[in-house]
Amino acid sequence: MALLRRPTGPSPTPEDISMKEENLCQAFSDALLCKIEDIDIEDWENPQLCSDYVKDIYQYLRQLETLQTINAHFLDGRDINGRMRAILVDWLVQVHSKFRLLQETLYMCIAIMDRFLQVQPVSRKKLQLVGITALLLASKYEEMFSPNIEDFVYITDNAYTSSQIREMETLILKELKFELGRPLPLHFLRRASKAGENLKQQYYTGYTENEILEVMQHMAKNVVKVNENLMKFIAIKNKYASSKLLKISTIPQLNSKAIQELASPLMGRS
């Protein structure tokens, strides 16, 4: 009842009100956590899972996600368009598979490339150079043993020299201020998968179903277009058709009515 008592001192400042609201939000968050299963409680014996800090880590990743946002139309008015980027990404997926790199490396590569393209105009002749250099940087960041720079020269059929790749590497690092750390889809996917149920997923990821609906629709649209041969970029489908990745792109659920309905608003279908 103390919170309802009429204040006897000076009126609270906006800063006081803001702080009180933050405290109330934190109290509500703590109370909510008591009602939702702690999915990290069994991980205390594994130091690699950082169970004492994992919630803070994901909060930090969400902050990074906001700070490093890629605008929806970041290629508008540029020499590079979305189709050119799609061709490049399709090729990078194949290169990534050929080099047998970690999944994180591919996601990091695309993130570096897009962040650079968003702030630095690039000519069509240098787009592939940006892509392969981004893969080199991502490999250095994620892999224990990164491919040699000569391997990247070879995979481009000598379209670029080692010196050109090094120059682009320097330019990208300067443009991104060496801030390569970025939350990747895999980070959040693993967290959501660990949470499992809908309510726990919402609590631990911080996203409601409505907030991710548009992304789900775009993903469903791409799945439908690939399955109906309406898209030429099939490197991802081929990659996930391998037994090593459990042939996940061939499962019947990807041709289900649910996927069709999810994609229909973006495909002009009723």
Protein backbone atom coordinates (compact mmCIF):
# COMPACT_ATOMS: atom_id res chain seq x y z
CA MET A 1 0.00 0.00 0.00
CA ALA A 2 3.00 2.31 0.37
CA LEU A 3 2.95 2.96 -3.36
CA LEU A 4 -0.54 4.51 -3.05
CA ARG A 5 0.38 6.89 -0.28
CA ARG A 6 0.14 10.62 -1.15
CA PRO A 7 3.70 12.00 -1.51
CA THR A 8 4.66 14.58 1.10
CA GLY A 9 7.84 15.85 -0.59
CA PRO A 10 8.40 17.68 -3.91
CA SER A 11 6.71 16.45 -7.07
CA PRO A 12 8.61 13.67 -8.89
CA THR A 13 10.68 14.65 -11.90
CA PRO A 14 10.31 12.91 -15.31
CA GLU A 15 13.56 11.09 -14.51
CA ASP A 16 12.07 9.77 -11.25
CA ILE A 17 8.96 8.59 -13.07
CA SER A 18 11.04 6.90 -15.75
CA MET A 19 13.17 5.13 -13.15
CA LYS A 20 10.08 3.98 -11.27
CA GLU A 21 8.58 2.60 -14.47
CA GLU A 22 11.78 0.72 -15.19
CA ASN A 23 11.73 -0.77 -11.69
CA LEU A 24 8.12 -1.82 -12.12
CA CYS A 25 8.90 -3.41 -15.48
CA GLN A 26 11.81 -5.29 -13.94
CA ALA A 27 9.61 -6.48 -11.08
CA PHE A 28 7.00 -7.67 -13.56
CA SER A 29 9.70 -9.42 -15.59
CA ASP A 30 11.03 -11.18 -12.49
CA ALA A 31 7.54 -12.23 -11.49
CA LEU A 32 6.87 -13.57 -14.97
CA LEU A 33 10.07 -15.56 -14.92
CA CYS A 34 8.91 -17.31 -11.75
CA LYS A 35 5.92 -18.63 -13.68
CA ILE A 36 7.88 -19.68 -16.76
CA GLU A 37 10.32 -22.55 -16.74
CA ASP A 38 13.96 -21.54 -16.54
CA ILE A 39 15.39 -23.27 -19.62
CA ASP A 40 18.97 -22.63 -18.49
CA ILE A 41 18.78 -24.10 -15.00
CA GLU A 42 20.21 -27.47 -16.01
CA ASP A 43 23.21 -25.94 -17.78
CA TRP A 44 25.12 -24.73 -14.75
CA GLU A 45 27.72 -27.52 -15.01
CA ASN A 46 28.65 -26.62 -18.60
CA PRO A 47 30.79 -23.45 -18.68
CA GLN A 48 30.42 -23.16 -22.46
CA LEU A 49 26.68 -22.53 -22.09
CA CYS A 50 27.26 -19.56 -19.72
CA SER A 51 24.01 -20.19 -17.84
CA ASP A 52 24.77 -17.40 -15.35
CA TYR A 53 25.04 -14.82 -18.11
CA VAL A 54 23.02 -16.21 -20.99
CA LYS A 55 20.00 -13.94 -20.46
CA ASP A 56 22.24 -10.86 -20.41
CA ILE A 57 24.02 -12.12 -23.51
CA TYR A 58 20.78 -12.38 -25.46
CA GLN A 59 19.66 -8.99 -24.25
CA TYR A 60 22.92 -7.60 -25.64
CA LEU A 61 22.37 -9.42 -28.94
CA ARG A 62 18.96 -7.77 -29.24
CA GLN A 63 20.62 -4.37 -28.72
CA LEU A 64 23.15 -5.16 -31.45
CA GLU A 65 20.35 -6.25 -33.75
CA THR A 66 18.78 -2.81 -33.40
CA LEU A 67 22.06 -0.93 -33.81
CA GLN A 68 23.04 -2.89 -36.93
CA THR A 69 19.70 -2.89 -38.71
CA ILE A 70 19.71 -3.45 -42.47
CA ASN A 71 17.13 -1.20 -44.13
CA ALA A 72 14.49 -2.96 -46.20
CA HIS A 73 15.30 -0.97 -49.35
CA PHE A 74 19.01 -0.42 -48.81
CA LEU A 75 19.82 -1.04 -52.49
CA ASP A 76 17.36 1.51 -53.87
CA GLY A 77 19.07 3.98 -56.17
CA ARG A 78 22.30 1.96 -56.25
CA ASP A 79 24.13 0.38 -59.17
CA ILE A 80 23.44 -2.97 -57.47
CA ASN A 81 19.89 -4.33 -57.33
CA GLY A 82 18.18 -7.12 -55.43
CA ARG A 83 18.50 -9.64 -58.25
CA MET A 84 22.25 -9.13 -58.46
CA ARG A 85 22.52 -9.63 -54.73
CA ALA A 86 20.41 -12.80 -54.97
CA ILE A 87 22.71 -14.22 -57.67
CA LEU A 88 25.74 -13.45 -55.50
CA VAL A 89 24.23 -15.00 -52.37
CA ASP A 90 23.27 -18.14 -54.32
CA TRP A 91 26.89 -18.44 -55.48
CA LEU A 92 28.28 -17.77 -51.99
CA VAL A 93 26.15 -20.59 -50.60
CA GLN A 94 27.80 -22.95 -53.09
CA VAL A 95 31.29 -21.64 -52.26
CA HIS A 96 30.57 -21.99 -48.54
CA SER A 97 29.55 -25.62 -49.06
CA LYS A 98 32.61 -26.34 -51.21
CA PHE A 99 34.92 -25.01 -48.51
CA ARG A 100 32.95 -26.93 -45.84
CA LEU A 101 32.72 -23.94 -43.54
CA LEU A 102 30.60 -23.52 -40.42
CA GLN A 103 26.98 -22.43 -40.74
CA GLU A 104 27.78 -19.33 -38.70
CA THR A 105 30.36 -18.31 -41.31
CA LEU A 106 27.76 -18.08 -44.08
CA TYR A 107 25.37 -15.98 -41.99
CA MET A 108 28.23 -13.75 -40.89
CA CYS A 109 29.36 -13.36 -44.50
CA ILE A 110 25.94 -12.17 -45.68
CA ALA A 111 25.67 -9.81 -42.71
CA ILE A 112 29.07 -8.23 -43.43
CA MET A 113 28.24 -7.91 -47.12
CA ASP A 114 24.85 -6.27 -46.56
CA ARG A 115 26.12 -3.88 -43.90
CA PHE A 116 28.89 -2.78 -46.25
CA LEU A 117 26.61 -2.43 -49.28
CA GLN A 118 24.22 -0.34 -47.20
CA VAL A 119 26.82 2.33 -46.47
CA GLN A 120 29.22 2.06 -49.41
CA PRO A 121 28.20 2.35 -53.09
CA VAL A 122 29.69 -0.57 -55.05
CA SER A 123 29.96 -1.00 -58.80
CA ARG A 124 28.67 -4.15 -60.48
CA LYS A 125 32.21 -5.18 -61.36
CA LYS A 126 33.18 -5.23 -57.70
CA LEU A 127 30.09 -6.89 -56.24
CA GLN A 128 31.58 -10.39 -56.36
CA LEU A 129 34.76 -8.99 -54.83
CA VAL A 130 32.75 -7.65 -51.90
CA GLY A 131 31.01 -11.01 -51.48
CA ILE A 132 34.15 -13.14 -51.53
CA THR A 133 35.96 -10.72 -49.21
CA ALA A 134 33.04 -10.83 -46.79
CA LEU A 135 33.34 -14.63 -46.80
CA LEU A 136 37.06 -14.33 -46.09
CA LEU A 137 36.40 -12.00 -43.14
CA ALA A 138 33.64 -14.24 -41.79
CA SER A 139 35.97 -17.24 -42.06
CA LYS A 140 38.63 -15.45 -40.04
CA TYR A 141 36.02 -14.53 -37.45
CA GLU A 142 34.28 -17.91 -37.08
CA GLU A 143 36.60 -20.69 -38.27
CA MET A 144 39.52 -22.28 -36.48
CA PHE A 145 41.29 -22.59 -39.84
CA SER A 146 40.27 -20.11 -42.50
CA PRO A 147 40.90 -20.90 -46.19
CA ASN A 148 43.92 -19.15 -47.66
CA ILE A 149 43.40 -15.99 -49.66
CA GLU A 150 44.65 -17.89 -52.74
CA ASP A 151 41.67 -20.22 -52.36
CA PHE A 152 39.34 -17.26 -52.69
CA VAL A 153 41.23 -16.05 -55.76
CA TYR A 154 40.89 -19.50 -57.31
CA ILE A 155 37.18 -19.81 -56.57
CA THR A 156 36.53 -16.57 -58.48
CA ASP A 157 38.39 -18.01 -61.48
CA ASN A 158 41.10 -15.37 -60.99
CA ALA A 159 38.63 -12.55 -61.53
CA TYR A 160 40.39 -10.73 -58.68
CA THR A 161 43.94 -10.77 -57.34
CA SER A 162 45.08 -11.34 -53.78
CA SER A 163 45.96 -7.65 -53.56
CA GLN A 164 42.44 -6.61 -54.60
CA ILE A 165 40.91 -8.87 -51.97
CA ARG A 166 43.23 -7.46 -49.30
CA GLU A 167 42.38 -3.91 -50.32
CA MET A 168 38.66 -4.68 -50.14
CA GLU A 169 39.17 -6.37 -46.78
CA THR A 170 40.77 -3.19 -45.43
CA LEU A 171 37.99 -1.03 -46.87
CA ILE A 172 35.23 -3.19 -45.36
CA LEU A 173 36.87 -3.28 -41.94
CA LYS A 174 37.31 0.49 -41.92
CA GLU A 175 33.74 1.11 -43.11
CA LEU A 176 32.32 -1.20 -40.43
CA LYS A 177 34.76 0.20 -37.84
CA PHE A 178 35.95 -3.36 -37.17
CA GLU A 179 32.60 -4.09 -35.51
CA LEU A 180 32.02 -7.56 -36.94
CA GLY A 181 30.18 -9.04 -33.97
CA ARG A 182 26.53 -9.45 -34.91
CA PRO A 183 23.57 -11.54 -33.76
CA LEU A 184 22.98 -14.24 -36.35
CA PRO A 185 19.76 -16.12 -37.16
CA LEU A 186 21.33 -19.26 -35.71
CA HIS A 187 21.76 -17.59 -32.32
CA PHE A 188 18.06 -16.84 -32.01
CA LEU A 189 16.98 -20.10 -33.64
CA ARG A 190 18.85 -22.13 -31.06
CA ARG A 191 17.34 -20.08 -28.26
CA ALA A 192 13.81 -20.42 -29.63
CA SER A 193 14.27 -24.15 -30.21
CA LYS A 194 15.46 -24.61 -26.66
CA ALA A 195 12.45 -22.74 -25.30
CA GLY A 196 10.10 -24.92 -27.34
CA GLU A 197 6.55 -23.94 -26.39
CA ASN A 198 4.90 -20.72 -27.66
CA LEU A 199 4.74 -18.82 -24.35
CA LYS A 200 8.33 -19.69 -23.45
CA GLN A 201 9.48 -18.79 -26.95
CA GLN A 202 7.87 -15.38 -26.69
CA TYR A 203 9.46 -14.75 -23.30
CA TYR A 204 12.97 -15.91 -24.17
CA THR A 205 13.18 -14.45 -27.69
CA GLY A 206 11.29 -11.24 -26.95
CA TYR A 207 9.17 -11.60 -30.10
CA THR A 208 5.44 -12.15 -30.43
CA GLU A 209 4.01 -14.16 -33.32
CA ASN A 210 2.63 -10.99 -34.91
CA GLU A 211 6.06 -9.38 -34.87
CA ILE A 212 7.62 -12.19 -36.91
CA LEU A 213 4.62 -12.85 -39.17
CA GLU A 214 5.89 -10.74 -42.07
CA VAL A 215 9.26 -12.52 -42.05
CA MET A 216 7.48 -15.88 -41.95
CA GLN A 217 5.40 -14.87 -44.96
CA HIS A 218 8.46 -13.91 -46.98
CA MET A 219 10.17 -17.18 -46.09
CA ALA A 220 7.06 -19.14 -47.06
CA LYS A 221 6.87 -17.22 -50.35
CA ASN A 222 10.43 -18.20 -51.22
CA VAL A 223 9.76 -21.83 -50.33
CA VAL A 224 6.70 -21.90 -52.59
CA LYS A 225 8.54 -20.21 -55.46
CA VAL A 226 11.41 -22.69 -55.26
CA ASN A 227 9.09 -25.70 -55.06
CA GLU A 228 7.07 -24.47 -58.04
CA ASN A 229 10.19 -23.71 -60.10
CA LEU A 230 9.42 -19.99 -60.09
CA MET A 231 12.90 -19.12 -58.86
CA LYS A 232 16.32 -19.91 -60.32
CA PHE A 233 18.20 -19.53 -57.06
CA ILE A 234 18.12 -23.06 -55.66
CA ALA A 235 21.51 -23.39 -53.94
CA ILE A 236 19.85 -23.35 -50.52
CA LYS A 237 17.38 -26.08 -51.50
CA ASN A 238 20.15 -28.23 -52.94
CA LYS A 239 22.30 -27.68 -49.88
CA TYR A 240 19.58 -28.80 -47.48
CA ALA A 241 18.64 -31.75 -49.68
CA SER A 242 21.83 -33.53 -48.59
CA SER A 243 21.71 -36.37 -46.09
CA LYS A 244 24.25 -34.49 -43.95
CA LEU A 245 21.58 -31.84 -43.33
CA LEU A 246 18.82 -34.44 -42.91
CA LYS A 247 17.30 -33.64 -46.34
CA ILE A 248 15.26 -30.96 -44.62
CA SER A 249 14.41 -29.15 -47.86
CA THR A 250 12.63 -32.25 -49.16
CA ILE A 251 10.20 -32.79 -46.31
CA PRO A 252 6.49 -32.81 -47.33
CA GLN A 253 5.62 -30.10 -44.79
CA LEU A 254 7.24 -27.52 -47.09
CA ASN A 255 4.53 -28.26 -49.65
CA SER A 256 1.75 -28.14 -47.09
CA LYS A 257 -1.40 -26.05 -47.18
CA ALA A 258 -0.13 -24.06 -44.19
CA ILE A 259 2.92 -22.86 -46.16
CA GLN A 260 0.73 -22.01 -49.15
CA GLU A 261 -1.66 -19.97 -47.02
CA LEU A 262 1.20 -18.18 -45.28
CA ALA A 263 2.73 -17.20 -48.62
CA SER A 264 -0.50 -16.30 -50.42
CA PRO A 265 -0.70 -12.60 -49.33
CA LEU A 266 2.67 -11.92 -50.94
CA MET A 267 1.97 -13.91 -54.10
CA GLY A 268 -1.35 -12.35 -55.03
CA ARG A 269 -3.24 -15.54 -54.37
CA SER A 270 -6.57 -15.74 -52.64
